[in-house]
Amino acid sequence: QVQLVESGGGLVQAGGSLRLSCAASGSIFGINAMGWYRQAPGKQRELVATITTGGTTSYTDSVKGRFTISRDNAKNTVYLQMNSLKPEDTGIYFCKFFATYREYWGQGTQVTVSS
């Protein structure tokens, strides 16, 4: 069974940077897009960024200019470079693969930004 394995979370001071990675443990047919979501304590999960197979990206307004999503199609891996981090970026970050017949979720990685 294919799993998405995330890495790169941790504790960082405000203004710092982290890079998240998410790789599939096996091959996935028909990946159309990849994305990152986050869930802050007591809040609903929200979409942070997406990237299509062709490289088109989109971001939620609060991270524009600070976060960059990228992907390696050959490795079935998606990245999220997070710069100028703020305490409000704290939460559990989940990756998601949008494939033709189903969606895949990662297990989540904790990002904590201290003020």
C-alpha atoms as a PDB file:
ATOM      1  CA  GLN A   1       0.000   0.000   0.000  1.00  0.00           C
ATOM      2  CA  VAL A   2       1.395   3.359  -1.005  1.00  0.00           C
ATOM      3  CA  GLN A   3       2.109   5.793   1.818  1.00  0.00           C
ATOM      4  CA  LEU A   4       3.178   9.407   1.856  1.00  0.00           C
ATOM      5  CA  VAL A   5       6.115  10.030   4.163  1.00  0.00           C
ATOM      6  CA  GLU A   6       6.715  13.562   5.382  1.00  0.00           C
ATOM      7  CA  SER A   7       9.806  15.053   6.940  1.00  0.00           C
ATOM      8  CA  GLY A   8      11.338  18.397   7.799  1.00  0.00           C
ATOM      9  CA  GLY A   9       9.087  19.732  10.531  1.00  0.00           C
ATOM     10  CA  GLY A  10      10.402  21.068  13.810  1.00  0.00           C
ATOM     11  CA  LEU A  11      10.756  24.020  16.127  1.00  0.00           C
ATOM     12  CA  VAL A  12      12.020  27.314  14.748  1.00  0.00           C
ATOM     13  CA  GLN A  13      12.089  30.925  15.880  1.00  0.00           C
ATOM     14  CA  ALA A  14      10.002  33.552  14.158  1.00  0.00           C
ATOM     15  CA  GLY A  15      11.735  34.726  11.013  1.00  0.00           C
ATOM     16  CA  GLY A  16      13.381  31.380  10.475  1.00  0.00           C
ATOM     17  CA  SER A  17      12.974  28.799   7.727  1.00  0.00           C
ATOM     18  CA  LEU A  18      12.020  25.163   7.331  1.00  0.00           C
ATOM     19  CA  ARG A  19      11.757  22.876   4.337  1.00  0.00           C
ATOM     20  CA  LEU A  20       9.160  20.127   4.320  1.00  0.00           C
ATOM     21  CA  SER A  21       9.384  17.080   2.090  1.00  0.00           C
ATOM     22  CA  CYS A  22       6.761  14.480   1.204  1.00  0.00           C
ATOM     23  CA  ALA A  23       7.612  11.357  -0.758  1.00  0.00           C
ATOM     24  CA  ALA A  24       5.466   8.457  -1.897  1.00  0.00           C
ATOM     25  CA  SER A  25       6.654   5.023  -0.749  1.00  0.00           C
ATOM     26  CA  GLY A  26       5.681   3.494  -4.086  1.00  0.00           C
ATOM     27  CA  SER A  27       4.375   4.394  -7.505  1.00  0.00           C
ATOM     28  CA  ILE A  28       1.067   6.207  -7.877  1.00  0.00           C
ATOM     29  CA  PHE A  29      -0.857   6.181 -11.119  1.00  0.00           C
ATOM     30  CA  GLY A  30      -2.194   9.396 -12.534  1.00  0.00           C
ATOM     31  CA  ILE A  31      -0.992  12.079 -10.146  1.00  0.00           C
ATOM     32  CA  ASN A  32      -2.570  15.354 -11.216  1.00  0.00           C
ATOM     33  CA  ALA A  33      -1.482  17.664  -8.432  1.00  0.00           C
ATOM     34  CA  MET A  34       0.160  17.772  -5.030  1.00  0.00           C
ATOM     35  CA  GLY A  35      -0.557  20.011  -2.123  1.00  0.00           C
ATOM     36  CA  TRP A  36       0.168  21.005   1.445  1.00  0.00           C
ATOM     37  CA  TYR A  37      -2.440  21.601   4.126  1.00  0.00           C
ATOM     38  CA  ARG A  38      -2.057  22.646   7.735  1.00  0.00           C
ATOM     39  CA  GLN A  39      -4.119  22.419  10.872  1.00  0.00           C
ATOM     40  CA  ALA A  40      -3.574  24.740  13.794  1.00  0.00           C
ATOM     41  CA  PRO A  41      -4.748  23.773  17.285  1.00  0.00           C
ATOM     42  CA  GLY A  42      -8.503  24.184  17.568  1.00  0.00           C
ATOM     43  CA  LYS A  43      -8.892  25.121  13.911  1.00  0.00           C
ATOM     44  CA  GLN A  44      -9.962  23.385  10.736  1.00  0.00           C
ATOM     45  CA  ARG A  45      -7.472  22.031   8.268  1.00  0.00           C
ATOM     46  CA  GLU A  46      -6.702  24.602   5.559  1.00  0.00           C
ATOM     47  CA  LEU A  47      -5.114  24.428   2.153  1.00  0.00           C
ATOM     48  CA  VAL A  48      -1.713  26.127   2.066  1.00  0.00           C
ATOM     49  CA  ALA A  49      -0.367  25.508  -1.439  1.00  0.00           C
ATOM     50  CA  THR A  50      -0.823  23.319  -4.490  1.00  0.00           C
ATOM     51  CA  ILE A  51       1.213  22.481  -7.568  1.00  0.00           C
ATOM     52  CA  THR A  52       0.014  20.755 -10.727  1.00  0.00           C
ATOM     53  CA  THR A  53       1.894  18.277 -12.884  1.00  0.00           C
ATOM     54  CA  GLY A  54       2.708  21.132 -15.218  1.00  0.00           C
ATOM     55  CA  GLY A  55       4.119  23.252 -12.429  1.00  0.00           C
ATOM     56  CA  THR A  56       1.280  25.710 -11.897  1.00  0.00           C
ATOM     57  CA  THR A  57       1.238  26.821  -8.270  1.00  0.00           C
ATOM     58  CA  SER A  58      -1.282  28.458  -5.988  1.00  0.00           C
ATOM     59  CA  TYR A  59      -1.038  29.704  -2.397  1.00  0.00           C
ATOM     60  CA  THR A  60      -3.313  30.852   0.330  1.00  0.00           C
ATOM     61  CA  ASP A  61      -2.961  34.599   0.839  1.00  0.00           C
ATOM     62  CA  SER A  62      -1.311  34.377   4.245  1.00  0.00           C
ATOM     63  CA  VAL A  63       1.776  32.566   2.882  1.00  0.00           C
ATOM     64  CA  LYS A  64       2.235  34.286  -0.478  1.00  0.00           C
ATOM     65  CA  GLY A  65       5.753  35.619  -0.857  1.00  0.00           C
ATOM     66  CA  ARG A  66       7.035  33.482   2.031  1.00  0.00           C
ATOM     67  CA  PHE A  67       6.346  29.852   1.055  1.00  0.00           C
ATOM     68  CA  THR A  68       7.316  28.065  -2.128  1.00  0.00           C
ATOM     69  CA  ILE A  69       5.930  24.720  -3.248  1.00  0.00           C
ATOM     70  CA  SER A  70       7.889  22.585  -5.692  1.00  0.00           C
ATOM     71  CA  ARG A  71       7.889  18.990  -6.900  1.00  0.00           C
ATOM     72  CA  ASP A  72      10.095  16.303  -8.387  1.00  0.00           C
ATOM     73  CA  ASN A  73       7.853  14.265 -10.665  1.00  0.00           C
ATOM     74  CA  ALA A  74      10.437  11.539 -11.161  1.00  0.00           C
ATOM     75  CA  LYS A  75      10.685  10.981  -7.410  1.00  0.00           C
ATOM     76  CA  ASN A  76       6.984  11.530  -6.642  1.00  0.00           C
ATOM     77  CA  THR A  77       8.067  14.095  -4.088  1.00  0.00           C
ATOM     78  CA  VAL A  78       6.679  17.475  -3.153  1.00  0.00           C
ATOM     79  CA  TYR A  79       8.447  20.148  -1.124  1.00  0.00           C
ATOM     80  CA  LEU A  80       7.394  23.212   0.808  1.00  0.00           C
ATOM     81  CA  GLN A  81      10.044  25.829   1.474  1.00  0.00           C
ATOM     82  CA  MET A  82       8.869  28.078   4.295  1.00  0.00           C
ATOM     83  CA  ASN A  83      10.690  31.352   4.930  1.00  0.00           C
ATOM     84  CA  SER A  84      10.015  34.269   7.264  1.00  0.00           C
ATOM     85  CA  LEU A  85       7.993  31.991   9.492  1.00  0.00           C
ATOM     86  CA  LYS A  86       5.496  33.496  11.915  1.00  0.00           C
ATOM     87  CA  PRO A  87       3.968  32.076  15.096  1.00  0.00           C
ATOM     88  CA  GLU A  88       0.632  31.818  13.275  1.00  0.00           C
ATOM     89  CA  ASP A  89       2.222  29.313  10.888  1.00  0.00           C
ATOM     90  CA  THR A  90       2.341  26.823  13.752  1.00  0.00           C
ATOM     91  CA  GLY A  91       0.417  23.624  13.141  1.00  0.00           C
ATOM     92  CA  ILE A  92       0.511  20.137  11.740  1.00  0.00           C
ATOM     93  CA  TYR A  93       1.368  20.139   8.052  1.00  0.00           C
ATOM     94  CA  PHE A  94      -0.049  17.423   5.805  1.00  0.00           C
ATOM     95  CA  CYS A  95       0.808  16.644   2.218  1.00  0.00           C
ATOM     96  CA  LYS A  96      -1.786  15.387  -0.245  1.00  0.00           C
ATOM     97  CA  PHE A  97      -1.513  13.796  -3.666  1.00  0.00           C
ATOM     98  CA  PHE A  98      -4.459  14.233  -6.034  1.00  0.00           C
ATOM     99  CA  ALA A  99      -4.541  11.191  -8.320  1.00  0.00           C
ATOM    100  CA  THR A 100      -7.017  10.095 -10.971  1.00  0.00           C
ATOM    101  CA  TYR A 101      -8.831   7.483  -8.882  1.00  0.00           C
ATOM    102  CA  ARG A 102      -8.164   8.588  -5.308  1.00  0.00           C
ATOM    103  CA  GLU A 103      -6.410  10.967  -2.988  1.00  0.00           C
ATOM    104  CA  TYR A 104      -3.505  10.211  -0.670  1.00  0.00           C
ATOM    105  CA  TRP A 105      -2.668  11.913   2.607  1.00  0.00           C
ATOM    106  CA  GLY A 106       0.538  12.027   4.605  1.00  0.00           C
ATOM    107  CA  GLN A 107       0.587  11.417   8.331  1.00  0.00           C
ATOM    108  CA  GLY A 108       1.465  15.009   9.182  1.00  0.00           C
ATOM    109  CA  THR A 109       4.534  16.751  10.519  1.00  0.00           C
ATOM    110  CA  GLN A 110       4.557  19.293  13.327  1.00  0.00           C
ATOM    111  CA  VAL A 111       5.792  22.823  12.683  1.00  0.00           C
ATOM    112  CA  THR A 112       6.163  25.092  15.698  1.00  0.00           C
ATOM    113  CA  VAL A 113       7.221  28.719  15.368  1.00  0.00           C
ATOM    114  CA  SER A 114       8.178  30.481  18.586  1.00  0.00           C
ATOM    115  CA  SER A 115       7.903  34.228  19.022  1.00  0.00           C
END
